[in-house]
All heavy atoms as atom14 arrays in JSON, in Angstrom:
{
  "sequence": "VFIPQGIIISHVGGEPVIYDLDGFVVPREK",
  "atom14_mask": [
    [1, 1, 1, 1, 1, 1, 1, 0, 0, 0, 0, 0, 0, 0],
    [1, 1, 1, 1, 1, 1, 1, 1, 1, 1, 1, 0, 0, 0],
    [1, 1, 1, 1, 1, 1, 1, 1, 0, 0, 0, 0, 0, 0],
    [1, 1, 1, 1, 1, 1, 1, 0, 0, 0, 0, 0, 0, 0],
    [1, 1, 1, 1, 1, 1, 1, 1, 1, 0, 0, 0, 0, 0],
    [1, 1, 1, 1, 0, 0, 0, 0, 0, 0, 0, 0, 0, 0],
    [1, 1, 1, 1, 1, 1, 1, 1, 0, 0, 0, 0, 0, 0],
    [1, 1, 1, 1, 1, 1, 1, 1, 0, 0, 0, 0, 0, 0],
    [1, 1, 1, 1, 1, 1, 1, 1, 0, 0, 0, 0, 0, 0],
    [1, 1, 1, 1, 1, 1, 0, 0, 0, 0, 0, 0, 0, 0],
    [1, 1, 1, 1, 1, 1, 1, 1, 1, 1, 0, 0, 0, 0],
    [1, 1, 1, 1, 1, 1, 1, 0, 0, 0, 0, 0, 0, 0],
    [1, 1, 1, 1, 0, 0, 0, 0, 0, 0, 0, 0, 0, 0],
    [1, 1, 1, 1, 0, 0, 0, 0, 0, 0, 0, 0, 0, 0],
    [1, 1, 1, 1, 1, 1, 1, 1, 1, 0, 0, 0, 0, 0],
    [1, 1, 1, 1, 1, 1, 1, 0, 0, 0, 0, 0, 0, 0],
    [1, 1, 1, 1, 1, 1, 1, 0, 0, 0, 0, 0, 0, 0],
    [1, 1, 1, 1, 1, 1, 1, 1, 0, 0, 0, 0, 0, 0],
    [1, 1, 1, 1, 1, 1, 1, 1, 1, 1, 1, 1, 0, 0],
    [1, 1, 1, 1, 1, 1, 1, 1, 0, 0, 0, 0, 0, 0],
    [1, 1, 1, 1, 1, 1, 1, 1, 0, 0, 0, 0, 0, 0],
    [1, 1, 1, 1, 1, 1, 1, 1, 0, 0, 0, 0, 0, 0],
    [1, 1, 1, 1, 0, 0, 0, 0, 0, 0, 0, 0, 0, 0],
    [1, 1, 1, 1, 1, 1, 1, 1, 1, 1, 1, 0, 0, 0],
    [1, 1, 1, 1, 1, 1, 1, 0, 0, 0, 0, 0, 0, 0],
    [1, 1, 1, 1, 1, 1, 1, 0, 0, 0, 0, 0, 0, 0],
    [1, 1, 1, 1, 1, 1, 1, 0, 0, 0, 0, 0, 0, 0],
    [1, 1, 1, 1, 1, 1, 1, 1, 1, 1, 1, 0, 0, 0],
    [1, 1, 1, 1, 1, 1, 1, 1, 1, 0, 0, 0, 0, 0],
    [1, 1, 1, 1, 1, 1, 1, 1, 1, 0, 0, 0, 0, 0]
  ],
  "atom14_positions": [
    [[113.05, 111.99, 108.73], [113.43, 112.45, 107.39], [112.26, 113.04, 106.57], [112.43, 113.73, 105.6], [114.1, 111.36, 106.53], [115.37, 110.84, 107.11], [113.17, 110.24, 106.21], [0.0, 0.0, 0.0], [0.0, 0.0, 0.0], [0.0, 0.0, 0.0], [0.0, 0.0, 0.0], [0.0, 0.0, 0.0], [0.0, 0.0, 0.0], [0.0, 0.0, 0.0]],
    [[111.02, 112.83, 107.11], [109.81, 113.38, 106.49], [109.24, 114.54, 107.28], [109.51, 114.62, 108.5], [108.7, 112.26, 106.53], [108.63, 111.5, 105.25], [109.42, 110.37, 105.1], [107.79, 111.91, 104.18], [109.3, 109.59, 103.96], [107.63, 111.07, 103.03], [108.46, 109.93, 102.91], [0.0, 0.0, 0.0], [0.0, 0.0, 0.0], [0.0, 0.0, 0.0]],
    [[108.6, 115.44, 106.6], [107.72, 116.43, 107.31], [106.61, 115.66, 107.99], [106.23, 114.52, 107.58], [107.16, 117.46, 106.37], [106.23, 116.93, 105.22], [108.33, 118.31, 105.77], [105.51, 118.03, 104.42], [0.0, 0.0, 0.0], [0.0, 0.0, 0.0], [0.0, 0.0, 0.0], [0.0, 0.0, 0.0], [0.0, 0.0, 0.0], [0.0, 0.0, 0.0]],
    [[106.07, 116.16, 109.1], [105.02, 115.39, 109.89], [103.79, 115.09, 108.98], [103.19, 114.07, 109.19], [104.55, 116.42, 110.93], [105.82, 117.28, 111.14], [106.45, 117.4, 109.83], [0.0, 0.0, 0.0], [0.0, 0.0, 0.0], [0.0, 0.0, 0.0], [0.0, 0.0, 0.0], [0.0, 0.0, 0.0], [0.0, 0.0, 0.0], [0.0, 0.0, 0.0]],
    [[103.49, 115.83, 107.98], [102.32, 115.61, 107.16], [102.59, 114.78, 105.9], [101.84, 114.64, 104.96], [101.77, 116.98, 106.66], [101.4, 117.92, 107.75], [102.58, 118.72, 108.23], [103.76, 118.62, 107.75], [102.33, 119.73, 109.13], [0.0, 0.0, 0.0], [0.0, 0.0, 0.0], [0.0, 0.0, 0.0], [0.0, 0.0, 0.0], [0.0, 0.0, 0.0]],
    [[103.78, 114.11, 105.88], [104.24, 113.36, 104.71], [103.38, 112.26, 104.38], [102.63, 111.66, 105.29], [0.0, 0.0, 0.0], [0.0, 0.0, 0.0], [0.0, 0.0, 0.0], [0.0, 0.0, 0.0], [0.0, 0.0, 0.0], [0.0, 0.0, 0.0], [0.0, 0.0, 0.0], [0.0, 0.0, 0.0], [0.0, 0.0, 0.0], [0.0, 0.0, 0.0]],
    [[103.37, 111.9, 103.12], [102.63, 110.7, 102.62], [103.53, 109.79, 101.84], [104.5, 110.15, 101.23], [101.42, 111.15, 101.8], [101.78, 111.83, 100.5], [100.37, 111.87, 102.54], [100.69, 112.04, 99.48], [0.0, 0.0, 0.0], [0.0, 0.0, 0.0], [0.0, 0.0, 0.0], [0.0, 0.0, 0.0], [0.0, 0.0, 0.0], [0.0, 0.0, 0.0]],
    [[103.2, 108.49, 101.91], [103.92, 107.48, 101.22], [102.87, 106.67, 100.45], [101.82, 106.24, 101.0], [104.69, 106.62, 102.13], [105.75, 107.47, 102.92], [105.4, 105.44, 101.32], [106.46, 106.77, 104.07], [0.0, 0.0, 0.0], [0.0, 0.0, 0.0], [0.0, 0.0, 0.0], [0.0, 0.0, 0.0], [0.0, 0.0, 0.0], [0.0, 0.0, 0.0]],
    [[103.14, 106.49, 99.14], [102.13, 105.78, 98.29], [102.81, 104.58, 97.63], [103.89, 104.64, 97.02], [101.72, 106.72, 97.18], [101.13, 108.08, 97.78], [100.77, 106.04, 96.24], [100.95, 109.24, 96.74], [0.0, 0.0, 0.0], [0.0, 0.0, 0.0], [0.0, 0.0, 0.0], [0.0, 0.0, 0.0], [0.0, 0.0, 0.0], [0.0, 0.0, 0.0]],
    [[102.13, 103.49, 97.81], [102.5, 102.19, 97.18], [101.65, 101.94, 95.91], [100.45, 101.96, 96.06], [102.45, 101.09, 98.19], [102.5, 99.77, 97.49], [0.0, 0.0, 0.0], [0.0, 0.0, 0.0], [0.0, 0.0, 0.0], [0.0, 0.0, 0.0], [0.0, 0.0, 0.0], [0.0, 0.0, 0.0], [0.0, 0.0, 0.0], [0.0, 0.0, 0.0]],
    [[102.28, 101.76, 94.83], [101.5, 101.35, 93.62], [102.07, 100.05, 93.15], [102.48, 99.95, 92.01], [101.55, 102.53, 92.63], [100.38, 102.47, 91.68], [99.92, 101.42, 90.93], [99.44, 103.4, 91.46], [98.92, 101.66, 90.24], [98.55, 102.89, 90.57], [0.0, 0.0, 0.0], [0.0, 0.0, 0.0], [0.0, 0.0, 0.0], [0.0, 0.0, 0.0]],
    [[101.95, 99.07, 94.01], [102.47, 97.71, 93.69], [101.41, 96.85, 93.06], [101.67, 96.02, 92.19], [103.05, 97.02, 94.94], [103.47, 95.66, 94.67], [104.23, 97.89, 95.47], [0.0, 0.0, 0.0], [0.0, 0.0, 0.0], [0.0, 0.0, 0.0], [0.0, 0.0, 0.0], [0.0, 0.0, 0.0], [0.0, 0.0, 0.0], [0.0, 0.0, 0.0]],
    [[100.17, 97.06, 93.46], [99.01, 96.26, 92.93], [98.2, 97.16, 91.98], [98.77, 98.16, 91.42], [0.0, 0.0, 0.0], [0.0, 0.0, 0.0], [0.0, 0.0, 0.0], [0.0, 0.0, 0.0], [0.0, 0.0, 0.0], [0.0, 0.0, 0.0], [0.0, 0.0, 0.0], [0.0, 0.0, 0.0], [0.0, 0.0, 0.0], [0.0, 0.0, 0.0]],
    [[96.98, 96.78, 91.75], [96.19, 97.55, 90.78], [95.71, 98.95, 91.25], [95.58, 99.84, 90.49], [0.0, 0.0, 0.0], [0.0, 0.0, 0.0], [0.0, 0.0, 0.0], [0.0, 0.0, 0.0], [0.0, 0.0, 0.0], [0.0, 0.0, 0.0], [0.0, 0.0, 0.0], [0.0, 0.0, 0.0], [0.0, 0.0, 0.0], [0.0, 0.0, 0.0]],
    [[95.63, 99.09, 92.6], [95.18, 100.37, 93.17], [96.29, 100.94, 94.01], [96.87, 100.22, 94.78], [93.97, 100.08, 94.05], [92.76, 99.83, 93.29], [92.16, 100.98, 92.57], [92.12, 102.05, 93.09], [91.56, 100.79, 91.48], [0.0, 0.0, 0.0], [0.0, 0.0, 0.0], [0.0, 0.0, 0.0], [0.0, 0.0, 0.0], [0.0, 0.0, 0.0]],
    [[96.54, 102.23, 94.04], [97.52, 102.78, 94.9], [97.02, 102.7, 96.36], [95.84, 102.86, 96.57], [97.65, 104.3, 94.41], [96.4, 104.51, 93.58], [95.9, 103.21, 93.04], [0.0, 0.0, 0.0], [0.0, 0.0, 0.0], [0.0, 0.0, 0.0], [0.0, 0.0, 0.0], [0.0, 0.0, 0.0], [0.0, 0.0, 0.0], [0.0, 0.0, 0.0]],
    [[97.97, 102.58, 97.24], [97.62, 102.54, 98.61], [98.32, 103.76, 99.24], [99.57, 103.89, 99.15], [98.06, 101.25, 99.4], [97.84, 101.31, 100.93], [97.43, 100.08, 98.75], [0.0, 0.0, 0.0], [0.0, 0.0, 0.0], [0.0, 0.0, 0.0], [0.0, 0.0, 0.0], [0.0, 0.0, 0.0], [0.0, 0.0, 0.0], [0.0, 0.0, 0.0]],
    [[97.61, 104.58, 99.94], [98.2, 105.94, 100.47], [98.27, 105.85, 101.96], [97.29, 105.54, 102.64], [97.38, 107.12, 99.96], [97.32, 107.18, 98.44], [97.96, 108.44, 100.55], [96.32, 108.09, 97.89], [0.0, 0.0, 0.0], [0.0, 0.0, 0.0], [0.0, 0.0, 0.0], [0.0, 0.0, 0.0], [0.0, 0.0, 0.0], [0.0, 0.0, 0.0]],
    [[99.52, 106.09, 102.54], [99.76, 105.99, 103.95], [100.16, 107.37, 104.48], [100.88, 108.02, 103.79], [100.98, 105.05, 104.16], [100.82, 103.66, 103.67], [101.43, 103.26, 102.43], [100.24, 102.63, 104.46], [101.3, 102.0, 101.96], [100.22, 101.34, 104.04], [100.72, 101.0, 102.76], [100.71, 99.71, 102.37], [0.0, 0.0, 0.0], [0.0, 0.0, 0.0]],
    [[99.75, 107.58, 105.75], [100.46, 108.57, 106.49], [101.63, 107.96, 107.1], [101.85, 106.73, 106.89], [99.49, 109.37, 107.46], [98.97, 108.29, 108.59], [99.55, 107.26, 108.82], [98.08, 108.74, 109.31], [0.0, 0.0, 0.0], [0.0, 0.0, 0.0], [0.0, 0.0, 0.0], [0.0, 0.0, 0.0], [0.0, 0.0, 0.0], [0.0, 0.0, 0.0]],
    [[102.49, 108.71, 107.82], [103.71, 108.17, 108.34], [103.43, 106.99, 109.3], [104.1, 105.91, 109.05], [104.53, 109.22, 108.91], [105.02, 110.29, 108.05], [105.93, 111.28, 108.79], [105.68, 109.79, 106.79], [0.0, 0.0, 0.0], [0.0, 0.0, 0.0], [0.0, 0.0, 0.0], [0.0, 0.0, 0.0], [0.0, 0.0, 0.0], [0.0, 0.0, 0.0]],
    [[102.64, 107.05, 110.28], [102.29, 106.02, 111.15], [101.81, 104.8, 110.38], [102.12, 103.7, 110.72], [101.35, 106.41, 112.25], [102.05, 107.33, 113.31], [103.3, 107.3, 113.38], [101.39, 108.05, 113.98], [0.0, 0.0, 0.0], [0.0, 0.0, 0.0], [0.0, 0.0, 0.0], [0.0, 0.0, 0.0], [0.0, 0.0, 0.0], [0.0, 0.0, 0.0]],
    [[100.82, 104.98, 109.49], [100.19, 103.89, 108.75], [101.25, 103.14, 107.94], [101.04, 101.9, 107.72], [0.0, 0.0, 0.0], [0.0, 0.0, 0.0], [0.0, 0.0, 0.0], [0.0, 0.0, 0.0], [0.0, 0.0, 0.0], [0.0, 0.0, 0.0], [0.0, 0.0, 0.0], [0.0, 0.0, 0.0], [0.0, 0.0, 0.0], [0.0, 0.0, 0.0]],
    [[102.34, 103.8, 107.54], [103.4, 103.17, 106.85], [104.42, 102.45, 107.83], [104.78, 101.32, 107.59], [104.17, 104.13, 105.98], [105.32, 103.6, 105.18], [105.04, 102.89, 104.06], [106.59, 103.69, 105.57], [106.06, 102.26, 103.27], [107.59, 103.25, 104.89], [107.4, 102.47, 103.73], [0.0, 0.0, 0.0], [0.0, 0.0, 0.0], [0.0, 0.0, 0.0]],
    [[104.77, 103.12, 108.82], [105.79, 102.67, 109.69], [105.4, 101.45, 110.54], [106.2, 100.49, 110.67], [106.41, 103.85, 110.61], [107.21, 103.32, 111.74], [107.13, 104.86, 109.76], [0.0, 0.0, 0.0], [0.0, 0.0, 0.0], [0.0, 0.0, 0.0], [0.0, 0.0, 0.0], [0.0, 0.0, 0.0], [0.0, 0.0, 0.0], [0.0, 0.0, 0.0]],
    [[104.29, 101.55, 111.26], [103.85, 100.61, 112.18], [103.88, 99.1, 111.66], [104.5, 98.24, 112.28], [102.56, 100.94, 112.86], [101.99, 99.83, 113.71], [102.63, 102.22, 113.73], [0.0, 0.0, 0.0], [0.0, 0.0, 0.0], [0.0, 0.0, 0.0], [0.0, 0.0, 0.0], [0.0, 0.0, 0.0], [0.0, 0.0, 0.0], [0.0, 0.0, 0.0]],
    [[103.21, 98.87, 110.53], [103.19, 97.46, 110.04], [104.56, 96.97, 109.55], [104.94, 95.83, 109.73], [102.17, 97.45, 108.93], [101.96, 98.85, 108.52], [102.33, 99.75, 109.75], [0.0, 0.0, 0.0], [0.0, 0.0, 0.0], [0.0, 0.0, 0.0], [0.0, 0.0, 0.0], [0.0, 0.0, 0.0], [0.0, 0.0, 0.0], [0.0, 0.0, 0.0]],
    [[105.41, 97.93, 109.07], [106.77, 97.45, 108.61], [107.67, 97.14, 109.84], [108.45, 96.32, 109.77], [107.36, 98.62, 107.77], [106.81, 98.44, 106.35], [106.8, 99.65, 105.52], [106.06, 99.37, 104.26], [104.67, 99.37, 104.16], [103.97, 99.6, 105.17], [104.15, 99.05, 103.01], [0.0, 0.0, 0.0], [0.0, 0.0, 0.0], [0.0, 0.0, 0.0]],
    [[107.5, 98.0, 110.86], [108.28, 97.77, 112.15], [107.92, 96.28, 112.61], [108.83, 95.53, 113.03], [108.03, 98.7, 113.2], [108.87, 98.51, 114.37], [108.69, 99.6, 115.38], [107.74, 100.21, 115.54], [109.77, 99.87, 116.03], [0.0, 0.0, 0.0], [0.0, 0.0, 0.0], [0.0, 0.0, 0.0], [0.0, 0.0, 0.0], [0.0, 0.0, 0.0]],
    [[106.7, 95.99, 112.56], [106.24, 94.61, 113.08], [106.9, 93.49, 112.18], [107.44, 92.59, 112.79], [104.72, 94.54, 113.06], [104.23, 93.15, 113.53], [102.65, 93.11, 113.43], [102.07, 91.8, 113.96], [102.83, 90.66, 113.95], [0.0, 0.0, 0.0], [0.0, 0.0, 0.0], [0.0, 0.0, 0.0], [0.0, 0.0, 0.0], [0.0, 0.0, 0.0]]
  ]
}
């Protein structure tokens, strides 16, 4: 559903965390 260069940003804590697709998907799959 994303373009290959997509980014996902979590702003749940004090600092935003910026993920590329693999950086986002791999830990969630685990």
